[in-house]
Amino acid sequence: MKPFKILLFLLSVLVILFIVSLFFPEQGIHINERLSLQFISPDEILKPDTFEYADISSIISQSIAIHDSMPSGDPVFSNEEGILLDTIRADEDSLRIKVHRIEFPGGDSTLLYPIFRQLRKVKSTGELIRIMHYGDSQIEGDRMTSFIRYKLQGRFGGSGIGLQPLVSLYGYQISLKHASSENWLRYTAFGNADTTLGHSHYGALGCFARFTPHSADSLSPDTVIQEAWIELTGSGRTWSGRAAFHQCRIFFGNNPEPLLYKMYVDDTLVDADFLAVTDGLEIKEWHFNQSPAKLKFSFYGEVSPDFYAIALDDEQGVAVDNIPMRGSAGLVFTKIEQDMLKKMFDVLNVKMFILQFGGNVVPYMVDNYSYYEKWFTGQLKALKALCPDIPIVVIGVSDMSTKEKDRFITYPNLENIRDALKSASFSAGCAYWDMFEAMGGRNSMPSWVYAQPPLATSDFVHFNERGARVIAEMFYNALIYEYEAYLKNLK
């Protein structure tokens, strides 16, 4: 073929492509949820692409581990490479330029004073107080919570990793190795709840476990003795010995007949007895002079009780629970029987709630999220009705990305969901921490994914362990900023 004809052919192709670009839909042609056809537009050809991901360099450089009046013998936290992180004392002046502040309805930071009063006196009273961190999959595996726990226990005392389901829901936990027999059944108030239960006694974790199926007729003449077991071992990844615990409590209920248990500490049988018959909430507890390296329970019975939780705590100080609810939008608390829930909160001596939800609403795009604001407000008010003097801090949704052509952008509805959460928080008299803005705002998640080393996973939704630690540190700094301001006001 002659060069002229080749040139003519190429020019014809370019003209055809240009004409196609003039009429091709700007948003592409949607095939299905995973596939759409895109075509370059004339503007993209003629104008330079000025799109940039958010610059988070200053956020990361300012996010430093704060040495906030910790005992001098407590090692400073280091990262996986053993690089010691910079430290400063956490006082109001040093934090001011680094902290993305917690927001309050009407600017009233005294909302947090009840928990601050508890923290200030906890060492002198010898009391065990509890902070419960509820959230969606962003906190699974003790991500975020573990760092908040480490810092609070380091400053105010305490150890142990707090409440756990008897059977791991997700099979991964930074702070604990959790094994169990295969005959356990799990029931949750969130996700695909079992509508045949006939009750809503899920407890403070919103779930319970059994080793025999639930039945309206729990006692059958043909039943045989069933055995089930759980084994808990330290992961070795909890900072500065904070996994050590000196008391263990099992929360159970709906137990129609005495249930034999055996408890093994470091493979030695140390206790065998029966769990009491009850149709309400019961607690069995043990105390240890030395924290067990491994704890195993075996259960034997014809009918299983409902096991709500196991608590691994110190005798005093601060306990911080990690309570992930995969797939939940935070609309679960009113689905749990309220009298039992209140009793469990009271027994656990809960002094603060942290609620971190919203991410599971993002994929469902609508023009208005007033429905979610209303529903979430209802959940907050339900918690406050149960525990009227306990402050609640809502951590808002993080940035989340969807792919547009060859780049990742913030979901177009995300800020509307953020605003709905904030408005709900203020309407219910709760504090709000804007994680979306704290991490850099619009189009910041790709910057966390592409950071070196990465701070988020390739789904452009979830932080990895390193990133979860960074964002948890930012929240902790914001909380301690308010605490330091509270102390200053006392003078």
Foldseek 3Di string as FASTA:
>chain_A
DDPVVVVVVVVVVVVVLQVCQDPADCQFADDDPVDGGHHDHPCPVPPPDPDDFFDCVVLLLLLFQEPAPFPPVFDQDDDPVRDGTDYYHQFQVVLVVRAQAWAFQVRDLCLCVLVLVCLVCQVVVQAEEEEEEEEAPQCPQNQLVLLLQVVQCRNRNKAAAWKDALAHPPCHHQWKHKDKDPQKDKAFLDDPGDPPQPAFAQAPLRMWIWNDDRDPCQDDPPFDKDKMKMKMATPVRRGRPRNFFFKKKWKWAPAQDWKWKWKDFPNHTDDIDTDDHHHAIDMDMDGHPGGGRMMMMMIIDRGTIITNIMTGIYSTTYHYHYRYDYLDQLLRQVSHDQVRHLVNCVVNNYAEYEYEGQLNCLVPDDPADLVVLVSNLVSLLSVCVSVVSHAYEYEYFAFAWDDRVHDTWGRPCRVNSRVSVCVSQNVNRHIYRYNHVSQRHISSLVVQCPDVVHQPDPNRGHGDSNVSSSSSSSVSSNVVSSSSVVVVVVD
